[in-house]
Amino acid sequence: MNAILNTSAAPDIETLMQGMGRTARAAATVMAAAPTAAKNAALDALARRIREHGEALQAANAKDIAA
């Protein structure tokens, strides 16, 4: 995921967004076919990471908004 968000690797925002869109579509296809337990585990893991890194996420968001 970090490579997708590395804007220095993308020649422009359109290329970056197209890559993110392709990745999201591929992930959606995999998640649609996954069992409920796997989806719940993924959501739990995501929620845990958000809680663990909440302060850093808020700081980065504030920096983006200020720019």
N, C-alpha and C. Protein backbone atom coordinates (compact mmCIF):
# COMPACT_ATOMS: atom_id res chain seq x y z
N MET A 1 0.81 -1.19 0.00
CA MET A 1 0.00 0.00 0.00
C MET A 1 0.85 1.25 0.00
N ASN A 2 1.95 1.26 0.75
CA ASN A 2 2.78 2.44 0.81
C ASN A 2 3.32 2.82 -0.56
N ALA A 3 3.63 1.82 -1.40
CA ALA A 3 4.14 2.12 -2.74
C ALA A 3 3.10 2.84 -3.57
N ILE A 4 1.84 2.52 -3.37
CA ILE A 4 0.77 3.17 -4.12
C ILE A 4 0.71 4.64 -3.77
N LEU A 5 0.94 4.98 -2.52
CA LEU A 5 0.82 6.35 -2.07
C LEU A 5 2.10 7.15 -2.24
N ASN A 6 3.17 6.54 -2.75
CA ASN A 6 4.44 7.22 -2.95
C ASN A 6 4.32 8.06 -4.22
N THR A 7 3.98 9.33 -4.04
CA THR A 7 3.75 10.20 -5.19
C THR A 7 5.01 10.45 -6.00
N SER A 8 6.18 10.27 -5.42
CA SER A 8 7.41 10.49 -6.18
C SER A 8 7.60 9.40 -7.23
N ALA A 9 6.97 8.22 -7.02
CA ALA A 9 7.08 7.12 -7.97
C ALA A 9 6.09 7.28 -9.13
N ALA A 10 5.07 8.10 -8.97
CA ALA A 10 4.05 8.30 -10.02
C ALA A 10 4.36 9.59 -10.77
N PRO A 11 4.27 9.54 -12.11
CA PRO A 11 4.57 10.75 -12.88
C PRO A 11 3.55 11.87 -12.66
N ASP A 12 2.30 11.53 -12.31
CA ASP A 12 1.30 12.56 -12.09
C ASP A 12 0.15 11.99 -11.26
N ILE A 13 -0.74 12.86 -10.84
CA ILE A 13 -1.84 12.45 -9.98
C ILE A 13 -2.79 11.50 -10.70
N GLU A 14 -2.99 11.68 -12.00
CA GLU A 14 -3.89 10.79 -12.74
C GLU A 14 -3.37 9.36 -12.71
N THR A 15 -2.07 9.18 -12.93
CA THR A 15 -1.47 7.85 -12.89
C THR A 15 -1.59 7.26 -11.49
N LEU A 16 -1.35 8.07 -10.48
CA LEU A 16 -1.47 7.63 -9.10
C LEU A 16 -2.89 7.16 -8.81
N MET A 17 -3.87 7.94 -9.17
CA MET A 17 -5.26 7.60 -8.90
C MET A 17 -5.71 6.37 -9.68
N GLN A 18 -5.25 6.24 -10.90
CA GLN A 18 -5.59 5.05 -11.69
C GLN A 18 -5.03 3.79 -11.03
N GLY A 19 -3.82 3.87 -10.54
CA GLY A 19 -3.21 2.74 -9.85
C GLY A 19 -3.96 2.39 -8.57
N MET A 20 -4.34 3.40 -7.83
CA MET A 20 -5.11 3.15 -6.61
C MET A 20 -6.46 2.53 -6.94
N GLY A 21 -7.08 2.99 -8.01
CA GLY A 21 -8.37 2.43 -8.43
C GLY A 21 -8.26 0.97 -8.81
N ARG A 22 -7.21 0.63 -9.56
CA ARG A 22 -7.00 -0.78 -9.94
C ARG A 22 -6.79 -1.65 -8.72
N THR A 23 -6.01 -1.15 -7.78
CA THR A 23 -5.75 -1.91 -6.55
C THR A 23 -7.03 -2.09 -5.75
N ALA A 24 -7.82 -1.04 -5.65
CA ALA A 24 -9.08 -1.12 -4.90
C ALA A 24 -10.05 -2.10 -5.55
N ARG A 25 -10.14 -2.07 -6.88
CA ARG A 25 -11.04 -3.02 -7.57
C ARG A 25 -10.59 -4.46 -7.35
N ALA A 26 -9.30 -4.70 -7.40
CA ALA A 26 -8.79 -6.05 -7.18
C ALA A 26 -9.08 -6.50 -5.75
N ALA A 27 -8.88 -5.61 -4.79
CA ALA A 27 -9.15 -5.95 -3.39
C ALA A 27 -10.64 -6.20 -3.18
N ALA A 28 -11.49 -5.43 -3.82
CA ALA A 28 -12.94 -5.61 -3.67
C ALA A 28 -13.36 -6.97 -4.20
N THR A 29 -12.76 -7.41 -5.30
CA THR A 29 -13.09 -8.72 -5.87
C THR A 29 -12.70 -9.84 -4.89
N VAL A 30 -11.53 -9.73 -4.32
CA VAL A 30 -11.07 -10.73 -3.36
C VAL A 30 -11.97 -10.72 -2.12
N MET A 31 -12.26 -9.54 -1.59
CA MET A 31 -13.08 -9.45 -0.38
C MET A 31 -14.51 -9.94 -0.63
N ALA A 32 -15.05 -9.72 -1.80
CA ALA A 32 -16.41 -10.17 -2.10
C ALA A 32 -16.50 -11.69 -2.04
N ALA A 33 -15.45 -12.37 -2.40
CA ALA A 33 -15.44 -13.83 -2.42
C ALA A 33 -15.01 -14.43 -1.08
N ALA A 34 -14.53 -13.60 -0.16
CA ALA A 34 -14.02 -14.10 1.11
C ALA A 34 -15.17 -14.48 2.05
N PRO A 35 -14.93 -15.47 2.89
CA PRO A 35 -15.94 -15.83 3.89
C PRO A 35 -16.16 -14.70 4.89
N THR A 36 -17.31 -14.67 5.51
CA THR A 36 -17.64 -13.63 6.49
C THR A 36 -16.59 -13.54 7.59
N ALA A 37 -16.13 -14.67 8.08
CA ALA A 37 -15.13 -14.66 9.16
C ALA A 37 -13.85 -13.95 8.73
N ALA A 38 -13.44 -14.14 7.48
CA ALA A 38 -12.23 -13.48 6.98
C ALA A 38 -12.46 -11.97 6.86
N LYS A 39 -13.64 -11.57 6.41
CA LYS A 39 -13.96 -10.15 6.30
C LYS A 39 -13.96 -9.51 7.68
N ASN A 40 -14.58 -10.20 8.64
CA ASN A 40 -14.62 -9.67 10.01
C ASN A 40 -13.22 -9.55 10.59
N ALA A 41 -12.37 -10.53 10.34
CA ALA A 41 -10.99 -10.48 10.82
C ALA A 41 -10.25 -9.30 10.20
N ALA A 42 -10.46 -9.07 8.91
CA ALA A 42 -9.80 -7.95 8.24
C ALA A 42 -10.26 -6.62 8.82
N LEU A 43 -11.56 -6.49 9.05
CA LEU A 43 -12.09 -5.26 9.63
C LEU A 43 -11.59 -5.05 11.05
N ASP A 44 -11.52 -6.12 11.84
CA ASP A 44 -10.98 -6.02 13.20
C ASP A 44 -9.52 -5.57 13.18
N ALA A 45 -8.73 -6.14 12.27
CA ALA A 45 -7.33 -5.77 12.17
C ALA A 45 -7.18 -4.30 11.76
N LEU A 46 -8.00 -3.87 10.82
CA LEU A 46 -7.96 -2.47 10.38
C LEU A 46 -8.33 -1.54 11.52
N ALA A 47 -9.38 -1.88 12.25
CA ALA A 47 -9.81 -1.04 13.39
C ALA A 47 -8.71 -0.97 14.44
N ARG A 48 -8.05 -2.10 14.70
CA ARG A 48 -6.96 -2.13 15.68
C ARG A 48 -5.82 -1.20 15.24
N ARG A 49 -5.47 -1.27 13.97
CA ARG A 49 -4.37 -0.42 13.48
C ARG A 49 -4.74 1.06 13.54
N ILE A 50 -5.99 1.37 13.24
CA ILE A 50 -6.44 2.77 13.33
C ILE A 50 -6.33 3.25 14.77
N ARG A 51 -6.78 2.42 15.72
CA ARG A 51 -6.68 2.80 17.13
C ARG A 51 -5.21 2.95 17.55
N GLU A 52 -4.35 2.05 17.11
CA GLU A 52 -2.94 2.09 17.48
C GLU A 52 -2.23 3.32 16.93
N HIS A 53 -2.64 3.76 15.76
CA HIS A 53 -1.94 4.85 15.07
C HIS A 53 -2.80 6.10 14.91
N GLY A 54 -3.83 6.20 15.75
CA GLY A 54 -4.77 7.31 15.64
C GLY A 54 -4.14 8.68 15.70
N GLU A 55 -3.23 8.87 16.65
CA GLU A 55 -2.60 10.19 16.79
C GLU A 55 -1.79 10.56 15.55
N ALA A 56 -1.04 9.61 15.03
CA ALA A 56 -0.23 9.89 13.83
C ALA A 56 -1.13 10.15 12.63
N LEU A 57 -2.23 9.39 12.53
CA LEU A 57 -3.16 9.61 11.42
C LEU A 57 -3.79 10.99 11.51
N GLN A 58 -4.19 11.39 12.71
CA GLN A 58 -4.78 12.72 12.88
C GLN A 58 -3.77 13.83 12.56
N ALA A 59 -2.53 13.63 12.97
CA ALA A 59 -1.50 14.64 12.69
C ALA A 59 -1.25 14.76 11.18
N ALA A 60 -1.17 13.62 10.50
CA ALA A 60 -0.97 13.64 9.05
C ALA A 60 -2.16 14.27 8.35
N ASN A 61 -3.36 13.98 8.83
CA ASN A 61 -4.55 14.57 8.23
C ASN A 61 -4.57 16.08 8.43
N ALA A 62 -4.22 16.53 9.62
CA ALA A 62 -4.18 17.96 9.89
C ALA A 62 -3.15 18.65 8.99
N LYS A 63 -2.03 18.00 8.77
CA LYS A 63 -0.98 18.55 7.89
C LYS A 63 -1.51 18.66 6.46
N ASP A 64 -2.22 17.62 5.99
CA ASP A 64 -2.79 17.65 4.64
C ASP A 64 -3.82 18.77 4.50
N ILE A 65 -4.65 18.92 5.50
CA ILE A 65 -5.69 19.95 5.45
C ILE A 65 -5.08 21.35 5.44
N ALA A 66 -4.00 21.51 6.20
CA ALA A 66 -3.34 22.82 6.28
C ALA A 66 -2.62 23.19 4.99
N ALA A 67 -2.27 22.20 4.19
CA ALA A 67 -1.49 22.46 2.96
C ALA A 67 -2.33 23.13 1.90
